[in-house]
Amino acid sequence: MFLAETSSGVVLIALLFGIGLAALVALKAREKGRSFGIWFAFALFLFLPALIAVAIIKPTKTCPSCAKAIPKAANICPYCGAAQA
């Protein structure tokens, strides 16, 4: 009986640890202008590939004129040609 309680506790701790790691990856992706929910799900099921991917993606911002994602360093939108602030 004690063994069953211990193993369920270990599973719960591992699950919470996995959710925490997935949330950290998703937060880093959100800092780079990506969707938190999509990256959370990606990291929850495939943590290592998600961690590698979030490390190499480039930051983006949204163009106020056409609402498309553009590189954060862009001064002019490559889609609509609007100047960026």
Protein backbone atom coordinates (compact mmCIF):
# COMPACT_ATOMS: atom_id res chain seq x y z
CA MET A 1 0.00 0.00 0.00
CA PHE A 2 2.83 2.42 0.80
CA LEU A 3 4.51 1.62 -2.52
CA ALA A 4 1.37 2.54 -4.48
CA GLU A 5 1.10 5.89 -2.69
CA THR A 6 4.78 6.63 -3.30
CA SER A 7 4.68 5.80 -7.00
CA SER A 8 1.59 7.95 -7.59
CA GLY A 9 3.34 10.81 -5.80
CA VAL A 10 6.39 10.41 -8.03
CA VAL A 11 4.18 10.42 -11.13
CA LEU A 12 2.43 13.58 -9.93
CA ILE A 13 5.74 15.34 -9.26
CA ALA A 14 7.09 14.30 -12.67
CA LEU A 15 3.91 15.55 -14.35
CA LEU A 16 4.09 18.91 -12.58
CA PHE A 17 7.79 19.20 -13.45
CA GLY A 18 7.01 18.51 -17.12
CA ILE A 19 4.24 21.11 -17.14
CA GLY A 20 6.59 23.63 -15.56
CA LEU A 21 9.30 23.01 -18.15
CA ALA A 22 6.77 23.28 -20.98
CA ALA A 23 5.55 26.59 -19.53
CA LEU A 24 9.11 27.95 -19.45
CA VAL A 25 9.62 27.06 -23.12
CA ALA A 26 6.26 28.65 -24.00
CA LEU A 27 7.13 31.83 -22.09
CA LYS A 28 10.40 32.13 -23.99
CA ALA A 29 8.53 31.66 -27.27
CA ARG A 30 6.02 34.36 -26.24
CA GLU A 31 8.93 36.75 -25.60
CA LYS A 32 9.92 36.18 -29.21
CA GLY A 33 6.44 37.00 -30.49
CA ARG A 34 5.06 33.47 -30.85
CA SER A 35 1.86 31.86 -29.53
CA PHE A 36 2.08 30.69 -25.91
CA GLY A 37 -0.56 27.95 -26.30
CA ILE A 38 0.92 26.35 -29.39
CA TRP A 39 4.41 26.33 -27.94
CA PHE A 40 3.15 25.01 -24.60
CA ALA A 41 1.49 22.04 -26.32
CA PHE A 42 4.59 21.47 -28.48
CA ALA A 43 6.89 21.51 -25.43
CA LEU A 44 4.53 19.36 -23.36
CA PHE A 45 4.69 16.50 -25.85
CA LEU A 46 8.11 17.06 -27.45
CA PHE A 47 10.18 18.96 -24.91
CA LEU A 48 13.69 18.63 -26.36
CA PRO A 49 12.78 19.55 -29.97
CA ALA A 50 10.70 22.48 -28.67
CA LEU A 51 13.57 23.69 -26.51
CA ILE A 52 15.96 23.58 -29.47
CA ALA A 53 13.44 25.28 -31.77
CA VAL A 54 12.69 28.11 -29.34
CA ALA A 55 16.41 28.69 -28.91
CA ILE A 56 16.96 29.24 -32.64
CA ILE A 57 13.81 31.14 -33.69
CA LYS A 58 14.18 34.83 -34.35
CA PRO A 59 12.06 37.44 -32.54
CA THR A 60 9.13 38.92 -34.46
CA LYS A 61 6.71 41.81 -34.11
CA THR A 62 3.40 42.60 -35.78
CA CYS A 63 3.18 45.27 -38.46
CA PRO A 64 0.57 47.86 -37.39
CA SER A 65 -0.53 48.40 -41.01
CA CYS A 66 -1.03 44.87 -42.36
CA ALA A 67 -0.94 42.82 -39.09
CA LYS A 68 1.60 40.31 -40.43
CA ALA A 69 4.54 38.98 -38.41
CA ILE A 70 7.80 40.63 -39.43
CA PRO A 71 11.36 40.47 -38.05
CA LYS A 72 11.79 42.58 -34.92
CA ALA A 73 14.72 44.48 -36.43
CA ALA A 74 12.82 45.47 -39.60
CA ASN A 75 12.43 49.20 -40.23
CA ILE A 76 10.09 48.68 -43.21
CA CYS A 77 7.45 45.97 -43.51
CA PRO A 78 8.44 43.53 -46.29
CA TYR A 79 4.73 42.89 -47.06
CA CYS A 80 3.12 46.32 -47.23
CA GLY A 81 6.13 48.66 -47.19
CA ALA A 82 4.97 50.62 -44.13
CA ALA A 83 7.63 52.28 -42.02
CA GLN A 84 8.01 50.81 -38.53
CA ALA A 85 8.42 52.88 -35.37
